[in-house]
Amino acid sequence: MASPDRDNGARSAGLGGGIQLAKAAGVQRRYLSDIERGKVNPSIQIQDQIATALGIPLAELIAEAEREREQNRRRQQDDA
């Protein structure tokens, strides 16, 4: 699932999200979609390419993923 923050980050970087972000990061759109949905675990190199395309430090991209993971964990606990 794509996070709104990531989509806004792509838009503010002038990428519009989706296809343009994938192109700027040098990855296939389908692969980027799989990353966003948590279906694949990208290498650190791919993560760096995405962060660079978004114009943010790699550490910020990873921190956002950690925040999202924690939110998902909390939701699952609340639903249980």
Protein backbone atom coordinates (compact mmCIF):
# COMPACT_ATOMS: atom_id res chain seq x y z
CA MET A 1 0.00 0.00 0.00
CA ALA A 2 1.44 3.37 -0.98
CA SER A 3 1.63 5.84 1.82
CA PRO A 4 0.19 9.33 1.27
CA ASP A 5 3.46 10.79 2.56
CA ARG A 6 5.42 9.00 -0.14
CA ASP A 7 2.99 10.11 -2.81
CA ASN A 8 3.23 13.71 -1.61
CA GLY A 9 7.01 13.39 -1.55
CA ALA A 10 7.02 12.24 -5.15
CA ARG A 11 4.73 15.08 -6.18
CA SER A 12 6.73 17.71 -4.33
CA ALA A 13 9.87 16.39 -6.03
CA GLY A 14 8.09 17.15 -9.32
CA LEU A 15 7.70 13.46 -10.16
CA GLY A 16 3.93 13.11 -9.94
CA GLY A 17 4.40 9.64 -8.44
CA GLY A 18 4.11 6.25 -10.09
CA ILE A 19 5.61 6.04 -13.54
CA GLN A 20 7.73 9.19 -13.24
CA LEU A 21 9.18 8.14 -9.89
CA ALA A 22 10.00 4.69 -11.23
CA LYS A 23 11.69 6.22 -14.26
CA ALA A 24 13.67 8.72 -12.17
CA ALA A 25 14.75 5.91 -9.80
CA GLY A 26 15.70 3.61 -12.67
CA VAL A 27 13.25 0.83 -11.73
CA GLN A 28 10.24 -0.71 -13.41
CA ARG A 29 6.85 0.71 -12.37
CA ARG A 30 5.64 -2.76 -11.43
CA TYR A 31 8.66 -3.28 -9.16
CA LEU A 32 8.07 0.10 -7.49
CA SER A 33 4.44 -0.88 -6.94
CA ASP A 34 5.54 -4.19 -5.40
CA ILE A 35 7.88 -2.28 -3.07
CA GLU A 36 5.08 0.07 -2.01
CA ARG A 37 2.79 -2.87 -1.28
CA GLY A 38 5.45 -4.71 0.72
CA LYS A 39 5.63 -7.60 -1.74
CA VAL A 40 9.39 -7.33 -2.28
CA ASN A 41 12.35 -6.14 -0.25
CA PRO A 42 14.50 -3.86 -2.39
CA SER A 43 18.27 -3.80 -2.06
CA ILE A 44 19.91 -0.87 -0.34
CA GLN A 45 21.06 0.29 -3.80
CA ILE A 46 17.46 0.44 -5.07
CA GLN A 47 16.36 2.20 -1.88
CA ASP A 48 19.11 4.77 -2.44
CA GLN A 49 18.00 5.29 -6.05
CA ILE A 50 14.42 5.91 -4.91
CA ALA A 51 15.54 8.31 -2.17
CA THR A 52 17.71 10.18 -4.66
CA ALA A 53 14.79 10.41 -7.12
CA LEU A 54 12.62 11.79 -4.31
CA GLY A 55 15.34 14.25 -3.32
CA ILE A 56 15.55 12.98 0.24
CA PRO A 57 18.31 11.28 2.24
CA LEU A 58 18.23 7.48 2.30
CA ALA A 59 17.96 7.63 6.09
CA GLU A 60 14.71 9.59 5.77
CA LEU A 61 13.24 7.03 3.39
CA ILE A 62 14.14 4.22 5.79
CA ALA A 63 12.78 6.16 8.78
CA GLU A 64 9.46 6.63 6.97
CA ALA A 65 9.28 2.90 6.27
CA GLU A 66 9.93 2.20 9.95
CA ARG A 67 7.16 4.60 11.02
CA GLU A 68 4.76 2.95 8.60
CA ARG A 69 5.73 -0.52 9.83
CA GLU A 70 5.12 0.53 13.43
CA GLN A 71 1.71 1.99 12.55
CA ASN A 72 0.74 -1.24 10.81
CA ARG A 73 1.89 -3.29 13.80
CA ARG A 74 -0.22 -1.13 16.15
CA ARG A 75 -3.27 -1.46 13.90
CA GLN A 76 -2.92 -5.23 13.89
CA GLN A 77 -2.68 -5.27 17.68
CA ASP A 78 -5.77 -3.06 17.97
CA ASP A 79 -7.71 -5.36 15.63
CA ALA A 80 -6.76 -8.47 17.59
